[in-house]
């Protein structure tokens, strides 16, 4: 009912601005222009750093002058845009306490193309954006930025940055309702801070570890896990004592943390039944200088409500409420810490009208905060998408150029290969044509030799009977074109001429130099050549059928006999 105290108050926001300056120290070493000489670079960096230091000095007391100088520096290009936007953000936050405006310029720095590939500035800007989003109760954005920052920090092995981001992941996940995951990140953050403080006990590391430990105790107490919260107060108290021994500790910081610790510890002790110890802690808290200051005046309010000091709590809530009237930023810190305490105290005192007023203001501010977050989110998304669109357009243009070049190279290669292939095909065809023409001449010469041999047989007086029989066989087959019959065999021929099969085979072997089937096929092939010469329009299949042969057998026999296909012969002859 009472809410929780958040440590992101005015002092914490100012402390976050120190992170801004760290960014400048990181990016100030970067080159401004690639074509500058070494001397020009050194002069420019020196002048830029002097301006950064001066603006950092006056941004809190003279914010108008700081913004005017930044405008002039941007117009004259004496300072890079990312630095200008970061200094503007710091000026608006520290000078005007306008966190919304600061967040706007911080997002512009975050989207700057010049830091896209530079991890260290990205980490520092992520730290700043995480703190500002959390201060504005924009928990989803803060968690997203902290997660992104932790990944960057992990990549470069920055333990302190990882611990820092882990604590904000824990804070935001708790606020978003994921309590189990929040406590896991609490443990991770505290473990890393312990390692850091053991290695280098700097007061910044010790104070950060104290803040994480204290926040975890607050959450446990608010959940009603009072015994667990009490068990963790010992470690938190030890860290606070260790902080007092750190050198170079900022003035008043230990007093402030003592007051905040006692505020939480008193509530834990009261809830666990240790009311005497709680009252003793309350007296010590009220004796701190921080509680007596304007910044810490609302610190005791939660315990005052818890312990029945309603008038004192209401008085502090009214003072704190009045101090917020001059501030542009209203967040859940104000609602939970100030208005909720005022509501609880008014209810207990019976001030119903005032209680109703507090209640209505809480509802109104929560609605306003919700709408503001929606508007801010839309603005950030617009800037992010605009930046990403520009990046995408550049990438797409580069891709188009590369793709066009690739297509051009591929087209040239294809054309060259095509021309080479065409030349090879033409050369091959010419070789084939020459070869086919030579084969055709050989075929014609072979046919002429066969005719001469046939005529010479009639003049040979040896073996007159066998020669006469062969001529009888040859003339019968040729004149009657028996070889064109597909089913013509030696047996058919012997029956027609009434001769012995063996004698038929021997005379064909002697005078034709081949077997009977080869002799018949030769006659068929010779006839096919005549047909192709005489009837070039005939198809190869028609010629094969006319010769009494199937196309496949005809094709095979033709190649075996002449060393060329029927189609090639026909084409070459034509």
Protein backbone atom coordinates (compact mmCIF):
# COMPACT_ATOMS: atom_id res chain seq x y z
CA UNK A 1 0.00 0.00 0.00
CA UNK A 2 2.82 2.35 0.84
CA UNK A 3 4.88 1.77 -2.32
CA UNK A 4 8.66 1.72 -2.33
CA UNK A 5 11.34 4.38 -2.15
CA UNK A 6 13.22 4.76 -5.40
CA UNK A 7 16.77 6.03 -5.29
CA UNK A 8 16.45 7.78 -8.64
CA UNK A 9 15.83 11.21 -7.06
CA UNK A 10 17.29 14.55 -8.06
CA UNK A 11 20.76 13.65 -6.79
CA UNK A 12 20.70 10.35 -8.64
CA UNK A 13 19.67 12.04 -11.87
CA UNK A 14 22.55 14.51 -11.44
CA UNK A 15 24.83 11.54 -10.87
CA UNK A 16 23.59 10.02 -14.09
CA UNK A 17 24.71 13.18 -15.83
CA UNK A 18 28.28 12.31 -14.88
CA UNK A 19 27.80 9.41 -17.24
CA UNK A 20 27.07 11.94 -19.96
CA UNK A 21 30.45 13.54 -19.45
CA UNK A 22 32.12 10.14 -19.60
CA UNK A 23 30.69 9.81 -23.08
CA UNK A 24 32.42 12.97 -24.13
CA UNK A 25 35.73 11.67 -22.82
CA UNK A 26 35.23 8.51 -24.89
CA UNK A 27 34.10 10.07 -28.14
CA UNK A 28 36.41 13.09 -27.94
CA UNK A 29 39.28 10.87 -29.04
CA UNK A 30 37.52 9.93 -32.25
CA UNK A 31 38.49 11.45 -35.57
CA UNK A 32 36.30 14.24 -36.84
CA UNK A 33 37.27 14.09 -40.49
CA UNK A 34 39.37 11.51 -42.19
CA UNK A 35 41.19 13.97 -44.43
CA UNK A 36 42.34 16.28 -41.61
CA UNK A 37 46.03 16.46 -40.93
CA UNK A 38 47.32 15.26 -37.55
CA UNK A 39 47.88 18.86 -36.41
CA UNK A 40 44.36 19.92 -37.40
CA UNK A 41 42.89 16.92 -35.62
CA UNK A 42 44.77 17.76 -32.43
CA UNK A 43 43.68 21.41 -32.56
CA UNK A 44 40.08 20.48 -33.23
CA UNK A 45 39.97 17.92 -30.43
CA UNK A 46 41.55 20.38 -28.01
CA UNK A 47 39.06 23.12 -28.89
CA UNK A 48 36.16 20.70 -28.71
CA UNK A 49 37.20 19.37 -25.30
CA UNK A 50 37.55 22.89 -23.93
CA UNK A 51 34.02 23.70 -25.08
CA UNK A 52 32.71 20.44 -23.58
CA UNK A 53 34.32 21.22 -20.24
CA UNK A 54 32.92 24.77 -20.20
CA UNK A 55 29.37 23.69 -21.09
CA UNK A 56 29.53 20.94 -18.49
CA UNK A 57 30.49 23.60 -15.95
CA UNK A 58 27.66 26.07 -16.74
CA UNK A 59 24.84 23.72 -17.80
CA UNK A 60 23.35 23.64 -14.28
CA UNK A 61 23.61 27.35 -13.47
CA UNK A 62 23.37 28.90 -16.96
CA UNK A 63 21.40 26.46 -19.10
CA UNK A 64 20.27 29.15 -21.59
CA UNK A 65 23.87 30.12 -22.34
CA UNK A 66 24.86 26.45 -22.63
CA UNK A 67 22.14 25.69 -25.20
CA UNK A 68 23.02 28.84 -27.19
CA UNK A 69 26.67 27.75 -27.37
CA UNK A 70 25.65 24.28 -28.47
CA UNK A 71 23.48 25.68 -31.29
CA UNK A 72 26.40 27.79 -32.54
CA UNK A 73 28.84 24.87 -32.26
CA UNK A 74 26.52 22.67 -34.32
CA UNK A 75 25.98 25.29 -37.01
CA UNK A 76 29.73 26.01 -37.32
CA UNK A 77 30.58 22.28 -37.26
CA UNK A 78 32.98 22.83 -34.37
CA UNK A 79 31.41 19.92 -32.51
CA UNK A 80 29.96 16.71 -33.82
CA UNK A 81 26.19 16.29 -33.66
CA UNK A 82 26.33 13.32 -31.29
CA UNK A 83 28.23 15.40 -28.71
CA UNK A 84 25.90 18.36 -29.17
CA UNK A 85 22.85 16.18 -28.51
CA UNK A 86 24.41 14.59 -25.44
CA UNK A 87 25.30 17.99 -23.97
CA UNK A 88 21.80 19.24 -24.74
CA UNK A 89 20.36 16.25 -22.91
CA UNK A 90 22.58 16.93 -19.89
CA UNK A 91 21.65 20.63 -19.92
CA UNK A 92 17.91 19.95 -20.01
CA UNK A 93 18.14 17.42 -17.19
CA UNK A 94 20.58 19.27 -14.91
CA UNK A 95 19.63 22.83 -15.82
CA UNK A 96 15.86 22.61 -16.26
CA UNK A 97 15.09 19.22 -14.66
CA UNK A 98 13.31 18.39 -17.91
CA UNK A 99 14.00 14.67 -18.16
CA UNK A 100 11.62 14.23 -21.08
CA UNK A 101 13.54 16.73 -23.19
CA UNK A 102 16.79 15.19 -22.04
CA UNK A 103 15.56 11.77 -23.10
CA UNK A 104 14.60 13.14 -26.51
CA UNK A 105 18.12 14.38 -27.24
CA UNK A 106 19.70 11.29 -25.71
CA UNK A 107 17.72 9.17 -28.17
CA UNK A 108 19.04 11.32 -31.03
CA UNK A 109 22.57 10.58 -29.82
CA UNK A 110 21.66 6.91 -29.55
CA UNK A 111 20.53 6.88 -33.20
CA UNK A 112 23.62 8.72 -34.48
CA UNK A 113 25.28 6.70 -37.31
CA UNK A 114 28.77 7.71 -36.11
CA UNK A 115 28.58 5.41 -33.04
CA UNK A 116 26.91 2.41 -34.66
CA UNK A 117 30.17 0.46 -34.77
CA UNK A 118 31.77 1.91 -31.63
CA UNK A 119 30.93 -0.17 -28.57
CA UNK A 120 32.19 2.09 -25.76
CA UNK A 121 30.02 5.14 -26.59
CA UNK A 122 27.08 2.79 -27.12
CA UNK A 123 27.54 1.34 -23.63
CA UNK A 124 27.72 4.79 -22.02
CA UNK A 125 24.67 6.09 -23.87
CA UNK A 126 22.79 2.89 -22.97
CA UNK A 127 23.58 3.51 -19.28
CA UNK A 128 22.23 7.02 -19.50
CA UNK A 129 19.08 6.02 -21.39
CA UNK A 130 18.44 3.18 -18.94
CA UNK A 131 18.58 5.58 -15.96
CA UNK A 132 16.43 8.25 -17.64
CA UNK A 133 13.77 5.79 -18.74
CA UNK A 134 13.66 4.32 -15.25
CA UNK A 135 13.40 7.80 -13.71
CA UNK A 136 10.37 8.41 -15.93
CA UNK A 137 8.85 5.05 -14.90
CA UNK A 138 9.18 3.79 -18.47
CA UNK A 139 10.11 0.36 -17.22
CA UNK A 140 9.76 -1.62 -20.48
CA UNK A 141 12.05 0.80 -22.31
CA UNK A 142 14.52 0.86 -19.41
CA UNK A 143 14.61 -2.94 -19.29
CA UNK A 144 15.11 -3.18 -23.07
CA UNK A 145 17.94 -0.63 -22.98
CA UNK A 146 19.58 -2.33 -19.98
CA UNK A 147 19.43 -5.68 -21.75
CA UNK A 148 21.01 -4.20 -24.86
CA UNK A 149 23.66 -2.48 -22.76
CA UNK A 150 24.53 -5.64 -20.84
CA UNK A 151 25.11 -7.50 -24.11
CA UNK A 152 27.46 -4.75 -25.32
CA UNK A 153 29.29 -4.69 -21.96
CA UNK A 154 29.61 -8.47 -21.94
CA UNK A 155 31.17 -8.37 -25.40
CA UNK A 156 34.02 -6.12 -24.16
CA UNK A 157 34.28 -7.67 -20.68
CA UNK A 158 33.22 -4.55 -18.73
CA UNK A 159 32.18 -6.04 -15.35
CA UNK A 160 31.15 -2.73 -13.82
CA UNK A 161 28.83 -1.92 -16.74
CA UNK A 162 27.37 -5.44 -16.65
CA UNK A 163 26.65 -5.10 -12.91
CA UNK A 164 25.10 -1.68 -13.53
CA UNK A 165 22.79 -2.97 -16.26
CA UNK A 166 21.90 -6.09 -14.25
CA UNK A 167 20.66 -3.96 -11.36
CA UNK A 168 18.35 -2.02 -13.67
CA UNK A 169 17.11 -5.22 -15.27
CA UNK A 170 16.28 -6.39 -11.73
CA UNK A 171 14.50 -3.08 -10.90
CA UNK A 172 12.46 -2.99 -14.10
CA UNK A 173 11.54 -6.66 -14.13
CA UNK A 174 10.21 -6.31 -10.60
CA UNK A 175 8.16 -3.26 -11.59
CA UNK A 176 6.85 -5.20 -14.60
CA UNK A 177 5.73 -8.08 -12.36
CA UNK A 178 8.46 -10.65 -13.11
CA UNK A 179 9.62 -10.94 -9.49
CA UNK A 180 11.43 -14.27 -9.77
CA UNK A 181 13.60 -13.08 -12.65
CA UNK A 182 14.18 -9.78 -10.83
CA UNK A 183 15.70 -11.51 -7.79
CA UNK A 184 17.95 -13.59 -10.04
CA UNK A 185 19.35 -10.41 -11.54
CA UNK A 186 19.74 -8.91 -8.07
CA UNK A 187 21.99 -11.84 -7.17
CA UNK A 188 24.01 -11.49 -10.38
CA UNK A 189 24.49 -7.76 -9.93
CA UNK A 190 25.51 -8.02 -6.25
CA UNK A 191 27.93 -10.86 -7.04
CA UNK A 192 29.65 -8.78 -9.72
CA UNK A 193 29.82 -5.70 -7.46
CA UNK A 194 31.44 -7.80 -4.72
CA UNK A 195 34.10 -8.92 -7.19
CA UNK A 196 34.67 -5.32 -8.28
CA UNK A 197 34.91 -3.95 -4.73
CA UNK A 198 37.35 -6.72 -3.78
CA UNK A 199 39.54 -5.87 -6.78
CA UNK A 200 39.20 -2.08 -6.48
CA UNK A 201 37.27 -0.70 -3.47
CA UNK A 202 36.30 2.55 -5.15
CA UNK A 203 33.44 4.39 -3.47
CA UNK A 204 31.39 4.35 -6.70
CA UNK A 205 31.40 0.54 -6.82
CA UNK A 206 30.66 0.27 -3.09
CA UNK A 207 27.80 2.77 -3.25
CA UNK A 208 26.29 1.02 -6.29
CA UNK A 209 26.41 -2.33 -4.48
CA UNK A 210 24.76 -0.72 -1.45
CA UNK A 211 21.95 0.69 -3.62
CA UNK A 212 21.26 -2.75 -5.15
CA UNK A 213 21.26 -4.48 -1.77
CA UNK A 214 18.95 -1.86 -0.28
CA UNK A 215 16.51 -2.09 -3.20
CA UNK A 216 16.30 -5.87 -2.86
CA UNK A 217 15.47 -5.50 0.85
CA UNK A 218 12.75 -2.97 -0.01
CA UNK A 219 11.16 -5.34 -2.52
CA UNK A 220 11.23 -8.29 -0.10
CA UNK A 221 9.68 -6.17 2.64
CA UNK A 222 6.92 -4.88 0.33
CA UNK A 223 6.10 -8.47 -0.64
CA UNK A 224 5.65 -9.41 3.02
CA UNK A 225 8.83 -11.51 3.07
CA UNK A 226 9.99 -9.67 6.18
CA UNK A 227 12.27 -12.40 7.58
CA UNK A 228 14.16 -12.68 4.30
CA UNK A 229 14.49 -8.91 4.17
CA UNK A 230 15.81 -8.85 7.75
CA UNK A 231 18.41 -11.51 6.95
CA UNK A 232 19.82 -9.36 4.14
CA UNK A 233 20.10 -6.16 6.21
CA UNK A 234 23.38 -7.40 7.75
CA UNK A 235 25.20 -7.43 4.39
CA UNK A 236 23.71 -4.07 3.44
CA UNK A 237 24.82 -2.55 6.76
CA UNK A 238 28.33 -3.96 6.27
CA UNK A 239 28.51 -2.36 2.83
CA UNK A 240 27.43 0.97 4.34
CA UNK A 241 30.24 0.75 6.92
CA UNK A 242 32.70 -0.09 4.18
CA UNK A 243 31.57 2.95 2.23
CA UNK A 244 32.60 5.19 5.13
CA UNK A 245 36.20 3.98 4.77
CA UNK A 246 36.46 4.68 1.03
CA UNK A 247 38.77 7.54 0.03
CA UNK A 248 37.50 10.51 -1.99
CA UNK A 249 33.92 9.85 -0.87
CA UNK A 250 31.58 12.64 -1.97
CA UNK A 251 30.49 14.97 0.81
CA UNK A 252 27.20 14.01 2.44
CA UNK A 253 26.87 10.73 0.50
CA UNK A 254 27.39 8.47 3.52
CA UNK A 255 24.91 10.52 5.54
CA UNK A 256 22.36 10.23 2.73
CA UNK A 257 22.79 6.47 2.39
CA UNK A 258 22.60 6.07 6.17
CA UNK A 259 19.23 7.83 6.20
CA UNK A 260 17.94 5.69 3.32
CA UNK A 261 19.19 2.48 4.95
CA UNK A 262 17.56 3.34 8.28
CA UNK A 263 14.31 4.23 6.51
CA UNK A 264 14.14 0.72 5.04
CA UNK A 265 15.60 -1.09 8.06
CA UNK A 266 13.10 0.53 10.43
CA UNK A 267 10.19 -0.77 8.33
CA UNK A 268 11.71 -4.27 8.23
CA UNK A 269 12.34 -4.29 12.00
CA UNK A 270 8.82 -3.02 12.72
CA UNK A 271 7.24 -5.69 10.49
CA UNK A 272 9.27 -8.44 12.18
CA UNK A 273 8.21 -7.33 15.67
CA UNK A 274 11.45 -5.56 16.67
CA UNK A 275 9.70 -2.28 17.38
CA UNK A 276 12.22 -1.04 19.96
CA UNK A 277 15.07 -1.43 17.48
CA UNK A 278 12.90 0.16 14.82
CA UNK A 279 12.29 3.21 17.03
CA UNK A 280 15.99 3.47 17.81
CA UNK A 281 16.76 3.40 14.11
CA UNK A 282 14.08 6.02 13.50
CA UNK A 283 15.72 8.41 16.00
CA UNK A 284 19.09 7.94 14.33
CA UNK A 285 17.52 8.51 10.90
CA UNK A 286 15.90 11.75 12.05
CA UNK A 287 19.31 12.95 13.32
CA UNK A 288 20.90 12.75 9.82
CA UNK A 289 21.50 15.91 7.85
CA UNK A 290 19.92 14.38 4.74
CA UNK A 291 16.50 14.02 6.38
CA UNK A 292 16.68 17.65 7.48
CA UNK A 293 17.35 18.80 3.91
CA UNK A 294 14.74 19.46 1.26
CA UNK A 295 15.86 16.45 -0.81
CA UNK A 296 15.49 14.00 2.06
CA UNK A 297 12.46 15.41 3.84
CA UNK A 298 10.16 12.61 2.64
CA UNK A 299 12.58 9.78 3.57
CA UNK A 300 10.96 9.01 6.99
CA UNK A 301 7.39 9.19 5.62
CA UNK A 302 6.87 5.47 5.04
CA UNK A 303 7.96 4.49 8.53
CA UNK A 304 5.94 7.36 10.03
CA UNK A 305 2.80 6.00 8.40
CA UNK A 306 3.70 2.45 9.44
CA UNK A 307 4.34 3.46 13.08
CA UNK A 308 1.25 5.69 13.39
CA UNK A 309 2.89 9.12 13.06
CA UNK A 310 0.27 10.21 10.59
CA UNK A 311 0.43 13.98 11.13
CA UNK A 312 4.19 14.04 10.64
CA UNK A 313 3.89 11.87 7.54
CA UNK A 314 1.15 14.09 6.11
CA UNK A 315 3.16 17.23 6.79
CA UNK A 316 6.19 15.80 4.95
CA UNK A 317 4.01 14.62 2.07
CA UNK A 318 2.55 18.12 1.71
CA UNK A 319 6.02 19.71 1.64
CA UNK A 320 7.27 17.22 -0.91
CA UNK A 321 4.11 17.71 -2.98
CA UNK A 322 4.73 21.46 -3.02
CA UNK A 323 8.33 20.96 -4.18
CA UNK A 324 7.13 18.95 -7.20
CA UNK A 325 4.97 21.81 -8.49
CA UNK A 326 8.03 23.46 -10.01
CA UNK A 327 9.22 20.25 -11.67
CA UNK A 328 8.24 19.08 -15.10
CA UNK A 329 8.82 15.41 -14.32
CA UNK A 330 6.20 13.43 -12.44
CA UNK A 331 6.77 9.69 -12.17
CA UNK A 332 5.70 6.71 -10.09
CA UNK A 333 8.28 7.79 -7.49
CA UNK A 334 6.15 10.85 -6.81
CA UNK A 335 2.95 8.83 -6.87
CA UNK A 336 4.14 5.95 -4.66
CA UNK A 337 6.36 7.88 -2.27
CA UNK A 338 4.55 11.20 -1.89
CA UNK A 339 0.89 10.92 -2.86
CA UNK A 340 0.41 7.39 -1.52
CA UNK A 341 1.88 8.39 1.85
CA UNK A 342 -0.35 11.47 1.90
CA UNK A 343 -3.37 9.30 1.07
CA UNK A 344 -2.59 6.75 3.80
CA UNK A 345 -1.96 9.43 6.44
CA UNK A 346 -5.17 11.34 5.49
CA UNK A 347 -7.26 8.18 5.71
CA UNK A 348 -5.89 7.31 9.15
CA UNK A 349 -6.49 10.87 10.40
CA UNK A 350 -10.05 10.87 9.04
CA UNK A 351 -9.40 13.68 6.55
CA UNK A 352 -11.76 12.23 3.97
CA UNK A 353 -11.85 15.18 1.60
CA UNK A 354 -8.06 15.35 1.51
CA UNK A 355 -7.89 11.58 1.10
CA UNK A 356 -10.28 11.78 -1.85
CA UNK A 357 -8.17 14.54 -3.35
CA UNK A 358 -5.03 12.42 -3.06
CA UNK A 359 -6.85 9.41 -4.50
CA UNK A 360 -8.16 11.33 -7.51
CA UNK A 361 -4.74 12.84 -8.16
CA UNK A 362 -3.14 9.40 -8.08
CA UNK A 363 -5.63 8.09 -10.66
CA UNK A 364 -5.24 11.17 -12.85
CA UNK A 365 -1.44 11.11 -12.75
CA UNK A 366 -1.29 7.40 -13.49
CA UNK A 367 -3.47 7.95 -16.57
CA UNK A 368 -1.33 10.93 -17.59
CA UNK A 369 1.84 8.93 -17.04
CA UNK A 370 0.48 6.10 -19.17
CA UNK A 371 -0.43 8.47 -22.02
CA UNK A 372 2.91 10.26 -21.78
CA UNK A 373 4.77 6.98 -21.99
CA UNK A 374 2.76 5.99 -25.02
CA UNK A 375 3.57 9.31 -26.72
CA UNK A 376 7.24 9.07 -25.83
CA UNK A 377 7.41 5.49 -27.05
CA UNK A 378 5.80 6.47 -30.34
CA UNK A 379 8.30 9.32 -30.77
CA UNK A 380 11.25 7.04 -30.04
CA UNK A 381 9.98 4.37 -32.38
CA UNK A 382 9.53 7.01 -35.08
CA UNK A 383 13.13 8.18 -34.64
CA UNK A 384 14.44 4.62 -34.54
CA UNK A 385 12.50 3.61 -37.63
CA UNK A 386 13.58 6.79 -39.45
CA UNK A 387 17.22 6.05 -38.64
CA UNK A 388 16.81 2.41 -39.57
CA UNK A 389 15.06 3.37 -42.81
CA UNK A 390 18.02 5.54 -43.77
CA UNK A 391 20.42 2.74 -42.93
CA UNK A 392 18.29 0.27 -44.87
CA UNK A 393 18.15 2.62 -47.88
CA UNK A 394 21.94 2.96 -47.87
CA UNK A 395 22.34 -0.79 -47.56
CA UNK A 396 19.80 -1.36 -50.33
CA UNK A 397 21.54 1.14 -52.63
CA UNK A 398 24.87 -0.50 -51.97
CA UNK A 399 23.31 -3.91 -52.55
CA UNK A 400 21.75 -2.72 -55.85
CA UNK A 401 25.12 -1.39 -57.03
CA UNK A 402 26.86 -4.62 -56.07
CA UNK A 403 24.07 -6.67 -57.63
CA UNK A 404 24.21 -4.66 -60.88
CA UNK A 405 27.97 -5.07 -61.00
CA UNK A 406 27.62 -8.77 -60.39
CA UNK A 407 24.96 -9.06 -63.10
CA UNK A 408 27.18 -7.11 -65.52
CA UNK A 409 30.17 -9.34 -64.80
CA UNK A 410 28.00 -12.45 -65.10
CA UNK A 411 26.52 -11.16 -68.37
CA UNK A 412 30.00 -10.53 -69.79
CA UNK A 413 31.13 -13.98 -68.68
CA UNK A 414 28.02 -15.59 -70.17
CA UNK A 415 28.49 -13.72 -73.45
CA UNK A 416 32.15 -14.70 -73.64
CA UNK A 417 31.30 -18.31 -72.82
CA UNK A 418 28.47 -18.29 -75.33
CA UNK A 419 30.73 -16.90 -78.06
CA UNK A 420 33.39 -19.45 -77.19
CA UNK A 421 30.79 -22.22 -77.28
CA UNK A 422 29.42 -21.00 -80.61
CA UNK A 423 32.94 -20.84 -82.04
CA UNK A 424 33.66 -24.33 -80.74
CA UNK A 425 30.40 -25.64 -82.19
CA UNK A 426 31.10 -24.03 -85.56
CA UNK A 427 34.61 -25.43 -85.58
CA UNK A 428 33.34 -28.85 -84.54
CA UNK A 429 30.64 -28.81 -87.22
CA UNK A 430 33.19 -27.87 -89.86
CA UNK A 431 35.42 -30.73 -88.77
CA UNK A 432 32.46 -33.11 -88.81
CA UNK A 433 31.41 -31.86 -92.24
CA UNK A 434 34.90 -32.40 -93.59
CA UNK A 435 35.01 -35.83 -92.04
CA UNK A 436 31.57 -36.74 -93.39
CA UNK A 437 32.48 -35.55 -96.88
CA UNK A 438 35.60 -37.71 -96.79
CA UNK A 439 33.54 -40.67 -95.61
CA UNK A 440 30.99 -40.13 -98.36
CA UNK A 441 33.77 -40.04 -100.97
CA UNK A 442 35.12 -43.27 -99.52
CA UNK A 443 31.67 -44.85 -99.70
CA UNK A 444 31.25 -43.86 -103.34
CA UNK A 445 34.74 -45.10 -104.16
CA UNK A 446 33.97 -48.34 -102.34
CA UNK A 447 30.78 -48.81 -104.35
CA UNK A 448 32.68 -48.19 -107.58
CA UNK A 449 35.31 -50.73 -106.58
CA UNK A 450 32.58 -53.26 -105.84
CA UNK A 451 31.12 -52.72 -109.34
CA UNK A 452 34.57 -53.09 -110.89
CA UNK A 453 35.13 -56.28 -108.92
CA UNK A 454 31.80 -57.65 -110.09
CA UNK A 455 32.74 -57.03 -113.73
CA UNK A 456 36.19 -58.55 -113.27
CA UNK A 457 34.70 -61.80 -112.04
CA UNK A 458 33.25 -62.51 -115.47
CA UNK A 459 36.72 -62.36 -117.00
CA UNK A 460 38.25 -64.81 -114.52
CA UNK A 461 38.42 -68.34 -115.97
CA UNK A 462 39.30 -70.10 -112.69
CA UNK A 463 36.58 -71.93 -110.80
CA UNK A 464 34.07 -71.38 -113.56
CA UNK A 465 31.35 -73.47 -111.90
CA UNK A 466 31.52 -71.64 -108.56
CA UNK A 467 31.69 -68.28 -110.31
CA UNK A 468 28.71 -69.13 -112.42
CA UNK A 469 26.79 -70.19 -109.31
CA UNK A 470 27.64 -66.97 -107.48
CA UNK A 471 26.61 -64.87 -110.48
CA UNK A 472 23.39 -66.82 -110.63
CA UNK A 473 22.77 -66.17 -106.93
CA UNK A 474 23.79 -62.50 -107.15
CA UNK A 475 21.76 -61.79 -110.27
CA UNK A 476 18.68 -63.50 -108.83
CA UNK A 477 18.85 -61.51 -105.60
CA UNK A 478 19.55 -58.19 -107.35
CA UNK A 479 17.10 -58.49 -110.24
CA UNK A 480 14.22 -59.63 -108.07
CA UNK A 481 15.40 -57.36 -105.19
CA UNK A 482 14.95 -60.24 -102.80
CA UNK A 483 17.19 -58.46 -100.28
CA UNK A 484 14.41 -55.90 -99.73
CA UNK A 485 12.27 -58.58 -98.12
CA UNK A 486 12.58 -58.44 -94.35
CA UNK A 487 12.07 -62.18 -93.95
CA UNK A 488 14.43 -63.23 -96.78
CA UNK A 489 16.84 -66.01 -95.68
CA UNK A 490 19.44 -68.39 -97.13
CA UNK A 491 16.96 -71.26 -96.93
CA UNK A 492 14.48 -69.33 -99.07
CA UNK A 493 17.19 -68.65 -101.67
CA UNK A 494 18.33 -72.30 -101.78
CA UNK A 495 14.79 -73.52 -102.31
CA UNK A 496 14.29 -71.01 -105.13
CA UNK A 497 17.51 -72.00 -106.92
CA UNK A 498 17.47 -75.66 -105.82
CA UNK A 499 21.02 -75.53 -104.52
CA UNK A 500 22.84 -76.87 -101.49
CA UNK A 501 23.00 -74.61 -98.43
CA UNK A 502 26.66 -75.31 -97.79
CA UNK A 503 27.59 -74.67 -101.39
CA UNK A 504 25.58 -71.41 -101.33
CA UNK A 505 27.41 -70.18 -98.24
CA UNK A 506 30.85 -71.14 -99.57
CA UNK A 507 30.52 -69.38 -102.95
CA UNK A 508 29.19 -66.19 -101.22
CA UNK A 509 32.08 -66.36 -98.77
CA UNK A 510 34.55 -66.83 -101.63
CA UNK A 511 33.26 -64.13 -103.99
CA UNK A 512 31.62 -61.62 -101.61
CA UNK A 513 34.16 -62.02 -98.78
CA UNK A 514 31.41 -62.16 -96.13
CA UNK A 515 28.65 -64.33 -94.76
CA UNK A 516 25.21 -64.57 -96.31
CA UNK A 517 23.51 -62.21 -93.77
CA UNK A 518 26.29 -59.63 -94.17
CA UNK A 519 26.01 -59.93 -97.95
CA UNK A 520 22.26 -59.29 -97.82
CA UNK A 521 22.72 -56.33 -95.42
CA UNK A 522 25.39 -54.87 -97.70
CA UNK A 523 22.99 -55.00 -100.63
CA UNK A 524 20.33 -53.37 -98.51
CA UNK A 525 22.72 -50.59 -97.41
CA UNK A 526 23.87 -49.99 -100.97
CA UNK A 527 20.25 -49.74 -102.02
CA UNK A 528 19.62 -47.31 -99.16
CA UNK A 529 22.43 -45.06 -100.39
CA UNK A 530 20.89 -45.02 -103.86
CA UNK A 531 17.51 -44.15 -102.39
CA UNK A 532 18.96 -41.29 -100.34
CA UNK A 533 20.66 -39.91 -103.46
CA UNK A 534 17.56 -40.29 -105.57
CA UNK A 535 14.93 -39.35 -103.01
CA UNK A 536 16.46 -36.90 -100.51
CA UNK A 537 12.99 -36.04 -99.20
CA UNK A 538 12.51 -39.54 -97.81
CA UNK A 539 12.94 -39.97 -94.06
CA UNK A 540 15.55 -42.34 -92.65
CA UNK A 541 12.82 -44.55 -91.20
CA UNK A 542 11.06 -44.81 -94.57
CA UNK A 543 14.33 -45.74 -96.29
CA UNK A 544 15.08 -48.36 -93.60
CA UNK A 545 11.62 -49.90 -93.97
CA UNK A 546 11.95 -49.88 -97.77
CA UNK A 547 15.22 -51.78 -97.43
CA UNK A 548 13.58 -54.42 -95.23
CA UNK A 549 15.28 -53.31 -91.99
CA UNK A 550 14.17 -51.80 -88.72
CA UNK A 551 15.37 -48.26 -88.03
CA UNK A 552 17.63 -49.19 -85.09
CA UNK A 553 19.23 -52.12 -86.91
CA UNK A 554 19.59 -50.03 -90.07
CA UNK A 555 21.29 -47.23 -88.11
CA UNK A 556 23.72 -49.62 -86.42
CA UNK A 557 24.56 -51.53 -89.63
CA UNK A 558 25.08 -48.32 -91.58
CA UNK A 559 27.63 -47.02 -89.05
CA UNK A 560 29.43 -50.38 -88.95
CA UNK A 561 29.67 -50.47 -92.73
CA UNK A 562 30.46 -46.84 -93.56
CA UNK A 563 31.58 -45.20 -90.29
CA UNK A 564 28.90 -42.50 -90.49
CA UNK A 565 25.22 -42.23 -89.54
CA UNK A 566 22.53 -42.28 -92.23
CA UNK A 567 21.49 -38.75 -91.26
CA UNK A 568 25.03 -37.43 -91.56
CA UNK A 569 25.44 -39.11 -94.96
CA UNK A 570 22.18 -37.70 -96.20
CA UNK A 571 22.99 -34.19 -94.91
CA UNK A 572 26.53 -34.24 -96.33
CA UNK A 573 25.41 -35.58 -99.69
CA UNK A 574 22.80 -32.87 -100.00
